[in-house]
PDB file of N, CA and C in Angstrom:
ATOM      1  N   MET A   1     -25.345  24.212 -39.696  1.00  0.00           N
ATOM      2  CA  MET A   1     -25.133  24.598 -37.095  1.00  0.00           C
ATOM      3  C   MET A   1     -25.518  23.505 -37.338  1.00  0.00           C
ATOM      4  N   LYS A   2     -26.205  22.536 -38.000  1.00  0.00           N
ATOM      5  CA  LYS A   2     -25.817  21.046 -37.595  1.00  0.00           C
ATOM      6  C   LYS A   2     -24.193  20.452 -37.736  1.00  0.00           C
ATOM      7  N   ILE A   3     -23.859  21.109 -38.903  1.00  0.00           N
ATOM      8  CA  ILE A   3     -21.824  20.238 -39.123  1.00  0.00           C
ATOM      9  C   ILE A   3     -21.578  21.327 -38.241  1.00  0.00           C
ATOM     10  N   ILE A   4     -21.287  22.845 -37.331  1.00  0.00           N
ATOM     11  CA  ILE A   4     -20.858  22.925 -36.221  1.00  0.00           C
ATOM     12  C   ILE A   4     -21.108  22.025 -34.638  1.00  0.00           C
ATOM     13  N   PHE A   5     -22.619  21.919 -34.122  1.00  0.00           N
ATOM     14  CA  PHE A   5     -22.712  21.264 -33.668  1.00  0.00           C
ATOM     15  C   PHE A   5     -22.564  19.359 -33.279  1.00  0.00           C
ATOM     16  N   LEU A   6     -22.380  19.031 -33.986  1.00  0.00           N
ATOM     17  CA  LEU A   6     -21.735  17.567 -34.415  1.00  0.00           C
ATOM     18  C   LEU A   6     -21.007  17.876 -34.475  1.00  0.00           C
ATOM     19  N   SER A   7     -19.209  18.684 -34.935  1.00  0.00           N
ATOM     20  CA  SER A   7     -18.281  19.279 -35.032  1.00  0.00           C
ATOM     21  C   SER A   7     -18.065  18.807 -32.873  1.00  0.00           C
ATOM     22  N   ILE A   8     -18.470  19.825 -32.976  1.00  0.00           N
ATOM     23  CA  ILE A   8     -18.139  19.785 -30.572  1.00  0.00           C
ATOM     24  C   ILE A   8     -18.601  18.840 -30.437  1.00  0.00           C
ATOM     25  N   TYR A   9     -19.672  18.154 -30.522  1.00  0.00           N
ATOM     26  CA  TYR A   9     -19.726  16.723 -29.555  1.00  0.00           C
ATOM     27  C   TYR A   9     -18.977  15.585 -29.811  1.00  0.00           C
ATOM     28  N   SER A  10     -18.397  15.622 -30.902  1.00  0.00           N
ATOM     29  CA  SER A  10     -17.156  14.837 -31.765  1.00  0.00           C
ATOM     30  C   SER A  10     -15.908  15.196 -31.013  1.00  0.00           C
ATOM     31  N   ALA A  11     -15.820  16.320 -30.558  1.00  0.00           N
ATOM     32  CA  ALA A  11     -14.490  16.879 -30.573  1.00  0.00           C
ATOM     33  C   ALA A  11     -14.912  16.563 -28.715  1.00  0.00           C
ATOM     34  N   VAL A  12     -15.998  17.025 -27.884  1.00  0.00           N
ATOM     35  CA  VAL A  12     -15.893  16.378 -26.478  1.00  0.00           C
ATOM     36  C   VAL A  12     -15.753  14.858 -26.567  1.00  0.00           C
ATOM     37  N   ILE A  13     -16.465  14.210 -27.031  1.00  0.00           N
ATOM     38  CA  ILE A  13     -16.713  13.111 -26.528  1.00  0.00           C
ATOM     39  C   ILE A  13     -15.380  12.008 -26.983  1.00  0.00           C
ATOM     40  N   GLY A  14     -14.575  13.018 -28.517  1.00  0.00           N
ATOM     41  CA  GLY A  14     -13.096  12.370 -29.166  1.00  0.00           C
ATOM     42  C   GLY A  14     -12.590  12.398 -27.818  1.00  0.00           C
ATOM     43  N   LEU A  15     -13.122  13.651 -26.378  1.00  0.00           N
ATOM     44  CA  LEU A  15     -11.546  13.877 -25.902  1.00  0.00           C
ATOM     45  C   LEU A  15     -11.626  13.394 -24.704  1.00  0.00           C
ATOM     46  N   ASN A  16     -13.661  12.773 -24.236  1.00  0.00           N
ATOM     47  CA  ASN A  16     -13.661  12.109 -23.290  1.00  0.00           C
ATOM     48  C   ASN A  16     -13.070  10.710 -23.230  1.00  0.00           C
ATOM     49  N   ILE A  17     -12.745   9.809 -24.553  1.00  0.00           N
ATOM     50  CA  ILE A  17     -12.629   8.912 -24.402  1.00  0.00           C
ATOM     51  C   ILE A  17     -10.940   9.092 -23.722  1.00  0.00           C
ATOM     52  N   VAL A  18     -10.445   9.993 -24.773  1.00  0.00           N
ATOM     53  CA  VAL A  18      -8.689  10.029 -24.530  1.00  0.00           C
ATOM     54  C   VAL A  18      -8.768   9.777 -22.629  1.00  0.00           C
ATOM     55  N   ASN A  19      -9.876  11.142 -22.373  1.00  0.00           N
ATOM     56  CA  ASN A  19      -9.260  10.915 -20.334  1.00  0.00           C
ATOM     57  C   ASN A  19      -9.482   9.914 -20.266  1.00  0.00           C
ATOM     58  N   ILE A  20     -10.506   8.831 -20.437  1.00  0.00           N
ATOM     59  CA  ILE A  20     -10.895   7.535 -20.261  1.00  0.00           C
ATOM     60  C   ILE A  20      -9.707   6.286 -20.150  1.00  0.00           C
ATOM     61  N   LYS A  21      -9.081   6.036 -21.473  1.00  0.00           N
ATOM     62  CA  LYS A  21      -8.038   5.650 -21.707  1.00  0.00           C
ATOM     63  C   LYS A  21      -6.638   6.108 -20.865  1.00  0.00           C
ATOM     64  N   GLN A  22      -6.673   6.779 -20.520  1.00  0.00           N
ATOM     65  CA  GLN A  22      -5.570   7.565 -19.703  1.00  0.00           C
ATOM     66  C   GLN A  22      -5.521   7.840 -18.049  1.00  0.00           C
ATOM     67  N   THR A  23      -6.321   7.442 -18.009  1.00  0.00           N
ATOM     68  CA  THR A  23      -7.679   7.194 -16.531  1.00  0.00           C
ATOM     69  C   THR A  23      -6.797   5.579 -16.361  1.00  0.00           C
ATOM     70  N   ASN A  24      -7.343   5.289 -16.773  1.00  0.00           N
ATOM     71  CA  ASN A  24      -7.445   3.293 -16.898  1.00  0.00           C
ATOM     72  C   ASN A  24      -5.954   3.349 -16.785  1.00  0.00           C
ATOM     73  N   ASN A  25      -4.892   3.321 -17.775  1.00  0.00           N
ATOM     74  CA  ASN A  25      -3.835   3.570 -17.849  1.00  0.00           C
ATOM     75  C   ASN A  25      -2.894   3.306 -16.553  1.00  0.00           C
ATOM     76  N   ILE A  26      -3.453   4.699 -16.115  1.00  0.00           N
ATOM     77  CA  ILE A  26      -2.212   5.167 -14.571  1.00  0.00           C
ATOM     78  C   ILE A  26      -2.835   4.254 -13.701  1.00  0.00           C
ATOM     79  N   VAL A  27      -4.238   4.083 -13.347  1.00  0.00           N
ATOM     80  CA  VAL A  27      -4.773   2.682 -12.949  1.00  0.00           C
ATOM     81  C   VAL A  27      -4.116   1.423 -12.675  1.00  0.00           C
ATOM     82  N   ASN A  28      -4.125   0.693 -14.052  1.00  0.00           N
ATOM     83  CA  ASN A  28      -3.122  -0.412 -14.275  1.00  0.00           C
ATOM     84  C   ASN A  28      -1.661  -0.241 -13.940  1.00  0.00           C
ATOM     85  N   GLU A  29      -1.067   0.739 -14.192  1.00  0.00           N
ATOM     86  CA  GLU A  29       0.585   1.356 -13.927  1.00  0.00           C
ATOM     87  C   GLU A  29       0.477   1.130 -12.124  1.00  0.00           C
ATOM     88  N   ILE A  30      -0.529   1.778 -11.300  1.00  0.00           N
ATOM     89  CA  ILE A  30       0.328   1.853  -9.655  1.00  0.00           C
ATOM     90  C   ILE A  30      -0.420   0.746  -9.025  1.00  0.00           C
ATOM     91  N   LYS A  31      -1.518  -0.200  -9.436  1.00  0.00           N
ATOM     92  CA  LYS A  31      -2.266  -1.114  -8.553  1.00  0.00           C
ATOM     93  C   LYS A  31      -0.760  -1.756  -8.462  1.00  0.00           C
ATOM     94  N   ILE A  32      -1.365  -2.472  -7.574  1.00  0.00           N
ATOM     95  CA  ILE A  32       0.180  -3.095  -6.239  1.00  0.00           C
ATOM     96  C   ILE A  32      -0.618  -4.204  -5.372  1.00  0.00           C
ATOM     97  N   GLU A  33       0.279  -5.062  -5.530  1.00  0.00           N
ATOM     98  CA  GLU A  33      -0.712  -5.998  -4.163  1.00  0.00           C
ATOM     99  C   GLU A  33      -1.494  -5.405  -2.993  1.00  0.00           C
ATOM    100  N   SER A  34      -2.127  -5.572  -2.049  1.00  0.00           N
ATOM    101  CA  SER A  34      -2.753  -5.147  -1.530  1.00  0.00           C
ATOM    102  C   SER A  34      -2.707  -5.038   0.220  1.00  0.00           C
ATOM    103  N   SER A  35      -1.597  -6.096   0.451  1.00  0.00           N
ATOM    104  CA  SER A  35      -0.995  -6.414   2.362  1.00  0.00           C
ATOM    105  C   SER A  35       0.003  -7.467   1.122  1.00  0.00           C
ATOM    106  N   PHE A  36       1.068  -7.272   2.630  1.00  0.00           N
ATOM    107  CA  PHE A  36       1.713  -7.998   2.905  1.00  0.00           C
ATOM    108  C   PHE A  36       2.010  -9.257   4.300  1.00  0.00           C
ATOM    109  N   SER A  37       2.723 -10.031   4.173  1.00  0.00           N
ATOM    110  CA  SER A  37       3.140 -10.750   5.433  1.00  0.00           C
ATOM    111  C   SER A  37       3.989 -10.855   6.610  1.00  0.00           C
ATOM    112  N   LEU A  38       3.949 -10.812   7.547  1.00  0.00           N
ATOM    113  CA  LEU A  38       5.155 -10.043   8.242  1.00  0.00           C
ATOM    114  C   LEU A  38       5.450 -11.012   9.866  1.00  0.00           C
ATOM    115  N   ILE A  39       6.064 -11.589   9.861  1.00  0.00           N
ATOM    116  CA  ILE A  39       6.028 -12.795  10.678  1.00  0.00           C
ATOM    117  C   ILE A  39       7.662 -12.497  11.345  1.00  0.00           C
ATOM    118  N   ASN A  40       7.264 -12.494  12.967  1.00  0.00           N
ATOM    119  CA  ASN A  40       8.042 -12.482  14.318  1.00  0.00           C
ATOM    120  C   ASN A  40       9.022 -13.375  14.102  1.00  0.00           C
ATOM    121  N   ASP A  41      10.503 -13.814  13.609  1.00  0.00           N
ATOM    122  CA  ASP A  41      11.083 -14.028  13.646  1.00  0.00           C
ATOM    123  C   ASP A  41      11.973 -14.571  15.298  1.00  0.00           C
ATOM    124  N   SER A  42      11.306 -12.769  15.682  1.00  0.00           N
ATOM    125  CA  SER A  42      12.457 -13.197  16.614  1.00  0.00           C
ATOM    126  C   SER A  42      12.066 -13.836  18.300  1.00  0.00           C
ATOM    127  N   LYS A  43      12.521 -13.606  19.435  1.00  0.00           N
ATOM    128  CA  LYS A  43      12.762 -15.451  20.038  1.00  0.00           C
ATOM    129  C   LYS A  43      11.949 -14.426  21.049  1.00  0.00           C
ATOM    130  N   ASP A  44      11.033 -13.391  21.466  1.00  0.00           N
ATOM    131  CA  ASP A  44      10.023 -12.762  21.582  1.00  0.00           C
ATOM    132  C   ASP A  44       8.630 -12.479  21.073  1.00  0.00           C
ATOM    133  N   LYS A  45       8.024 -12.120  22.370  1.00  0.00           N
ATOM    134  CA  LYS A  45       6.117 -10.862  21.756  1.00  0.00           C
ATOM    135  C   LYS A  45       6.639  -9.971  21.611  1.00  0.00           C
ATOM    136  N   ILE A  46       6.393 -10.001  20.327  1.00  0.00           N
ATOM    137  CA  ILE A  46       6.237  -8.086  20.052  1.00  0.00           C
ATOM    138  C   ILE A  46       5.141  -7.345  20.172  1.00  0.00           C
ATOM    139  N   SER A  47       5.444  -5.606  20.096  1.00  0.00           N
ATOM    140  CA  SER A  47       4.184  -5.055  19.736  1.00  0.00           C
ATOM    141  C   SER A  47       4.712  -3.685  18.182  1.00  0.00           C
ATOM    142  N   ILE A  48       3.725  -3.898  17.583  1.00  0.00           N
ATOM    143  CA  ILE A  48       3.411  -3.207  16.400  1.00  0.00           C
ATOM    144  C   ILE A  48       2.844  -1.931  16.114  1.00  0.00           C
ATOM    145  N   HIS A  49       2.223  -1.589  15.735  1.00  0.00           N
ATOM    146  CA  HIS A  49       2.408  -0.134  14.856  1.00  0.00           C
ATOM    147  C   HIS A  49       2.406  -0.559  13.401  1.00  0.00           C
ATOM    148  N   THR A  50       1.170  -1.005  12.631  1.00  0.00           N
ATOM    149  CA  THR A  50       1.128  -0.779  11.047  1.00  0.00           C
ATOM    150  C   THR A  50       1.117   0.012  10.277  1.00  0.00           C
ATOM    151  N   GLY A  51       1.350   1.448  10.761  1.00  0.00           N
ATOM    152  CA  GLY A  51       0.888   2.595  10.074  1.00  0.00           C
ATOM    153  C   GLY A  51      -0.984   2.913  10.104  1.00  0.00           C
ATOM    154  N   THR A  52      -1.222   1.643  10.656  1.00  0.00           N
ATOM    155  CA  THR A  52      -3.019   1.387  10.709  1.00  0.00           C
ATOM    156  C   THR A  52      -3.506   1.188  12.169  1.00  0.00           C
ATOM    157  N   GLY A  53      -2.631   0.439  12.887  1.00  0.00           N
ATOM    158  CA  GLY A  53      -3.293  -0.353  13.856  1.00  0.00           C
ATOM    159  C   GLY A  53      -1.700  -1.151  14.996  1.00  0.00           C
ATOM    160  N   PHE A  54      -2.750  -0.986  16.218  1.00  0.00           N
ATOM    161  CA  PHE A  54      -1.593  -2.043  16.740  1.00  0.00           C
ATOM    162  C   PHE A  54      -1.773  -3.636  16.484  1.00  0.00           C
ATOM    163  N   VAL A  55      -0.830  -3.791  16.655  1.00  0.00           N
ATOM    164  CA  VAL A  55      -0.627  -5.652  15.913  1.00  0.00           C
ATOM    165  C   VAL A  55       0.282  -6.540  17.694  1.00  0.00           C
ATOM    166  N   SER A  56       0.227  -7.181  18.242  1.00  0.00           N
ATOM    167  CA  SER A  56       1.089  -7.902  19.434  1.00  0.00           C
ATOM    168  C   SER A  56       1.214  -8.836  18.307  1.00  0.00           C
ATOM    169  N   LEU A  57       2.468  -9.559  18.195  1.00  0.00           N
ATOM    170  CA  LEU A  57       2.973 -10.882  17.357  1.00  0.00           C
ATOM    171  C   LEU A  57       3.329 -11.961  17.856  1.00  0.00           C
ATOM    172  N   ASN A  58       2.785 -12.749  18.851  1.00  0.00           N
ATOM    173  CA  ASN A  58       3.960 -13.989  19.414  1.00  0.00           C
ATOM    174  C   ASN A  58       4.398 -14.602  18.502  1.00  0.00           C
ATOM    175  N   LYS A  59       5.935 -15.010  19.612  1.00  0.00           N
ATOM    176  CA  LYS A  59       6.974 -15.880  18.368  1.00  0.00           C
ATOM    177  C   LYS A  59       6.862 -16.435  17.334  1.00  0.00           C
ATOM    178  N   GLY A  60       7.293 -16.680  16.332  1.00  0.00           N
ATOM    179  CA  GLY A  60       6.545 -17.273  15.322  1.00  0.00           C
ATOM    180  C   GLY A  60       5.323 -17.486  15.118  1.00  0.00           C
ATOM    181  N   SER A  61       4.648 -16.054  15.188  1.00  0.00           N
ATOM    182  CA  SER A  61       3.686 -15.414  14.607  1.00  0.00           C
ATOM    183  C   SER A  61       3.071 -13.752  13.444  1.00  0.00           C
ATOM    184  N   LYS A  62       1.977 -14.671  12.105  1.00  0.00           N
ATOM    185  CA  LYS A  62       2.689 -13.565  11.396  1.00  0.00           C
ATOM    186  C   LYS A  62       1.415 -13.319  11.138  1.00  0.00           C
ATOM    187  N   THR A  63       1.736 -11.311  11.129  1.00  0.00           N
ATOM    188  CA  THR A  63       0.306 -10.595  10.324  1.00  0.00           C
ATOM    189  C   THR A  63       0.674 -10.155   9.240  1.00  0.00           C
ATOM    190  N   SER A  64      -1.218  -9.698   8.356  1.00  0.00           N
ATOM    191  CA  SER A  64      -1.388  -9.044   7.445  1.00  0.00           C
ATOM    192  C   SER A  64      -1.399  -7.881   7.717  1.00  0.00           C
ATOM    193  N   ILE A  65      -0.376  -7.043   6.658  1.00  0.00           N
ATOM    194  CA  ILE A  65      -0.184  -5.590   6.816  1.00  0.00           C
ATOM    195  C   ILE A  65      -0.931  -4.635   5.056  1.00  0.00           C
ATOM    196  N   GLY A  66      -1.282  -3.498   5.423  1.00  0.00           N
ATOM    197  CA  GLY A  66      -1.729  -2.961   3.774  1.00  0.00           C
ATOM    198  C   GLY A  66      -0.443  -2.625   3.686  1.00  0.00           C
ATOM    199  N   CYS A  67      -0.269  -2.381   2.225  1.00  0.00           N
ATOM    200  CA  CYS A  67       0.818  -1.953   1.697  1.00  0.00           C
ATOM    201  C   CYS A  67       0.538  -0.909   1.316  1.00  0.00           C
ATOM    202  N   ASN A  68       0.583   0.261   2.528  1.00  0.00           N
ATOM    203  CA  ASN A  68       0.848   1.701   2.080  1.00  0.00           C
ATOM    204  C   ASN A  68       1.874   1.669   1.990  1.00  0.00           C
ATOM    205  N   VAL A  69       1.969   2.919   0.659  1.00  0.00           N
ATOM    206  CA  VAL A  69       3.564   2.630   0.793  1.00  0.00           C
ATOM    207  C   VAL A  69       3.295   3.898   1.353  1.00  0.00           C
ATOM    208  N   GLY A  70       5.022   3.981   1.443  1.00  0.00           N
ATOM    209  CA  GLY A  70       5.504   5.590   2.370  1.00  0.00           C
ATOM    210  C   GLY A  70       4.855   5.766   4.013  1.00  0.00           C
ATOM    211  N   LYS A  71       4.220   4.383   4.967  1.00  0.00           N
ATOM    212  CA  LYS A  71       4.006   4.421   5.680  1.00  0.00           C
ATOM    213  C   LYS A  71       4.853   3.276   6.541  1.00  0.00           C
ATOM    214  N   GLU A  72       4.699   4.196   8.314  1.00  0.00           N
ATOM    215  CA  GLU A  72       6.399   3.284   8.748  1.00  0.00           C
ATOM    216  C   GLU A  72       5.376   2.477   9.920  1.00  0.00           C
ATOM    217  N   VAL A  73       6.051   0.965   9.988  1.00  0.00           N
ATOM    218  CA  VAL A  73       5.712   0.108  11.169  1.00  0.00           C
ATOM    219  C   VAL A  73       6.540   0.892  11.706  1.00  0.00           C
ATOM    220  N   ARG A  74       6.335   0.794  12.576  1.00  0.00           N
ATOM    221  CA  ARG A  74       6.617   1.568  14.073  1.00  0.00           C
ATOM    222  C   ARG A  74       6.118   0.343  15.276  1.00  0.00           C
ATOM    223  N   TRP A  75       8.353   0.132  16.076  1.00  0.00           N
ATOM    224  CA  TRP A  75       7.022  -0.343  17.752  1.00  0.00           C
ATOM    225  C   TRP A  75       6.428  -0.045  18.200  1.00  0.00           C
ATOM    226  N   ALA A  76       5.745  -0.610  19.195  1.00  0.00           N
ATOM    227  CA  ALA A  76       4.439  -0.197  20.306  1.00  0.00           C
ATOM    228  C   ALA A  76       5.408  -0.479  21.302  1.00  0.00           C
ATOM    229  N   ASN A  77       4.158   0.486  22.288  1.00  0.00           N
ATOM    230  CA  ASN A  77       4.342   0.046  23.891  1.00  0.00           C
ATOM    231  C   ASN A  77       3.185   0.160  24.718  1.00  0.00           C
ATOM    232  N   GLU A  78       2.773  -0.338  24.732  1.00  0.00           N
ATOM    233  CA  GLU A  78       1.349   0.142  26.182  1.00  0.00           C
ATOM    234  C   GLU A  78       0.803   0.535  24.896  1.00  0.00           C
ATOM    235  N   GLY A  79       0.939   0.241  23.960  1.00  0.00           N
ATOM    236  CA  GLY A  79      -0.863   1.377  23.549  1.00  0.00           C
ATOM    237  C   GLY A  79       0.104   2.563  22.320  1.00  0.00           C
ATOM    238  N   LYS A  80       1.174   2.830  22.713  1.00  0.00           N
ATOM    239  CA  LYS A  80       2.095   4.439  21.998  1.00  0.00           C
ATOM    240  C   LYS A  80       2.989   3.826  20.864  1.00  0.00           C
ATOM    241  N   LYS A  81       3.605   4.720  20.166  1.00  0.00           N
ATOM    242  CA  LYS A  81       4.043   3.801  19.211  1.00  0.00           C
ATOM    243  C   LYS A  81       4.882   4.483  19.673  1.00  0.00           C
ATOM    244  N   GLY A  82       6.357   3.842  19.366  1.00  0.00           N
ATOM    245  CA  GLY A  82       7.748   3.762  19.278  1.00  0.00           C
ATOM    246  C   GLY A  82       8.487   3.873  17.723  1.00  0.00           C
ATOM    247  N   GLU A  83       9.806   3.861  18.090  1.00  0.00           N
ATOM    248  CA  GLU A  83      10.524   3.947  17.055  1.00  0.00           C
ATOM    249  C   GLU A  83      10.176   3.299  16.141  1.00  0.00           C
ATOM    250  N   VAL A  84      10.227   3.708  14.413  1.00  0.00           N
ATOM    251  CA  VAL A  84      10.588   3.350  13.463  1.00  0.00           C
ATOM    252  C   VAL A  84      10.839   1.985  13.759  1.00  0.00           C
ATOM    253  N   ILE A  85      10.668   0.932  12.417  1.00  0.00           N
ATOM    254  CA  ILE A  85      10.819  -0.520  12.296  1.00  0.00           C
ATOM    255  C   ILE A  85      11.918  -0.060  11.222  1.00  0.00           C
ATOM    256  N   PHE A  86      11.181  -0.032   9.505  1.00  0.00           N
ATOM    257  CA  PHE A  86      10.604  -0.164   8.710  1.00  0.00           C
ATOM    258  C   PHE A  86       9.794   1.045   7.784  1.00  0.00           C
ATOM    259  N   LYS A  87       9.820   1.606   6.922  1.00  0.00           N
ATOM    260  CA  LYS A  87       9.167   1.970   6.020  1.00  0.00           C
ATOM    261  C   LYS A  87       8.727   0.773   4.860  1.00  0.00           C
ATOM    262  N   ILE A  88       6.837   0.951   4.677  1.00  0.00           N
ATOM    263  CA  ILE A  88       7.050   0.301   3.790  1.00  0.00           C
ATOM    264  C   ILE A  88       6.862   0.618   2.216  1.00  0.00           C
ATOM    265  N   THR A  89       7.727   0.030   0.864  1.00  0.00           N
ATOM    266  CA  THR A  89       7.792  -0.288   0.328  1.00  0.00           C
ATOM    267  C   THR A  89       7.168  -0.817  -1.001  1.00  0.00           C
ATOM    268  N   ALA A  90       6.858  -0.441  -2.538  1.00  0.00           N
ATOM    269  CA  ALA A  90       6.607  -1.324  -3.174  1.00  0.00           C
ATOM    270  C   ALA A  90       6.649  -2.763  -3.474  1.00  0.00           C
ATOM    271  N   ASP A  91       8.394  -2.952  -3.235  1.00  0.00           N
ATOM    272  CA  ASP A  91       8.416  -4.401  -3.988  1.00  0.00           C
ATOM    273  C   ASP A  91       8.109  -4.966  -1.959  1.00  0.00           C
ATOM    274  N   MET A  92       7.918  -4.753  -1.249  1.00  0.00           N
ATOM    275  CA  MET A  92       7.710  -5.061  -0.120  1.00  0.00           C
ATOM    276  C   MET A  92       5.534  -6.549  -0.575  1.00  0.00           C
ATOM    277  N   CYS A  93       5.056  -5.524  -1.739  1.00  0.00           N
ATOM    278  CA  CYS A  93       4.062  -5.770  -1.579  1.00  0.00           C
ATOM    279  C   CYS A  93       3.510  -7.355  -2.208  1.00  0.00           C
ATOM    280  N   GLY A  94       2.242  -8.150  -1.682  1.00  0.00           N
ATOM    281  CA  GLY A  94       2.538  -9.354  -2.255  1.00  0.00           C
ATOM    282  C   GLY A  94       3.212 -10.178  -1.160  1.00  0.00           C
ATOM    283  N   LYS A  95       3.963 -10.081  -0.893  1.00  0.00           N
ATOM    284  CA  LYS A  95       5.073 -10.837  -0.081  1.00  0.00           C
ATOM    285  C   LYS A  95       5.228 -11.339   1.190  1.00  0.00           C
ATOM    286  N   THR A  96       5.971 -12.268   1.501  1.00  0.00           N
ATOM    287  CA  THR A  96       5.576 -12.925   3.140  1.00  0.00           C
ATOM    288  C   THR A  96       7.137 -12.643   3.303  1.00  0.00           C
ATOM    289  N   LEU A  97       7.259 -11.669   4.352  1.00  0.00           N
ATOM    290  CA  LEU A  97       8.904 -10.735   5.052  1.00  0.00           C
ATOM    291  C   LEU A  97       9.359 -11.296   6.160  1.00  0.00           C
ATOM    292  N   LYS A  98      10.019 -11.894   6.914  1.00  0.00           N
ATOM    293  CA  LYS A  98      10.919 -12.252   8.695  1.00  0.00           C
ATOM    294  C   LYS A  98      11.139 -10.667   9.228  1.00  0.00           C
ATOM    295  N   LEU A  99      10.505 -10.439  10.376  1.00  0.00           N
ATOM    296  CA  LEU A  99      10.928  -8.762  10.906  1.00  0.00           C
ATOM    297  C   LEU A  99      11.830  -9.173  10.655  1.00  0.00           C
ATOM    298  N   SER A 100      12.792  -9.662  10.863  1.00  0.00           N
ATOM    299  CA  SER A 100      14.550  -9.784  10.802  1.00  0.00           C
ATOM    300  C   SER A 100      15.422  -9.636  10.145  1.00  0.00           C
ATOM    301  N   GLU A 101      14.773  -9.254   8.824  1.00  0.00           N
ATOM    302  CA  GLU A 101      15.241  -8.970   7.136  1.00  0.00           C
ATOM    303  C   GLU A 101      14.777  -7.448   6.941  1.00  0.00           C
ATOM    304  N   VAL A 102      13.489  -6.922   7.722  1.00  0.00           N
ATOM    305  CA  VAL A 102      12.962  -5.414   8.024  1.00  0.00           C
ATOM    306  C   VAL A 102      13.514  -4.936   8.336  1.00  0.00           C
ATOM    307  N   MET A 103      14.261  -5.333   9.402  1.00  0.00           N
ATOM    308  CA  MET A 103      14.948  -4.175  10.849  1.00  0.00           C
ATOM    309  C   MET A 103      15.425  -3.173  10.102  1.00  0.00           C
ATOM    310  N   LYS A 104      15.408  -2.092  10.615  1.00  0.00           N
ATOM    311  CA  LYS A 104      16.774  -0.949   9.995  1.00  0.00           C
ATOM    312  C   LYS A 104      18.154  -1.745  11.023  1.00  0.00           C
TER     313      LYS A 104
END
């Protein structure tokens, strides 16, 4: 009886260790920088929606945007979302980008 209990206990512990390792591998593979910077290199003050909130950028200023891959950054006008400027991609994370580079 003790042998069966120890075998079951060992099997459960072994499965848990495998699951922890797989979980850690997945977390390490999908971990990316948490934000990127966007510089307004246009000639005008602009308003955008970053996917999480509204931001106004003066000419030459920059903002940090959360790197939520797949979210859309849109033009904004008087607190309302406008047309899509670009979608956030994984290769943007951790970089500083100019508005003119990412506009569609």
